[in-house]
Amino acid sequence: MTHFFSSLRAFIKLELMRANELIDNWYQLQRELSIEVNRNFILEQINLKLSA
């Protein structure tokens, strides 16, 4: 039952964010997080290579 409640809660939160125009669609948050994580990883790797 906990998984169902958590899924329902996440769905409602995403729908409210979309309705309030905080996000364009449900995948926007995932896309933005993915881009940020990848960018930080690449920059970290570049800094490690330059420091070596």
Foldseek 3Di string as FASTA:
>chain_A
DVVVVVVVVVVVVQVVCCVVVVDVHPCPVVVVVVVVVVVVVVVVVVVVVVVD
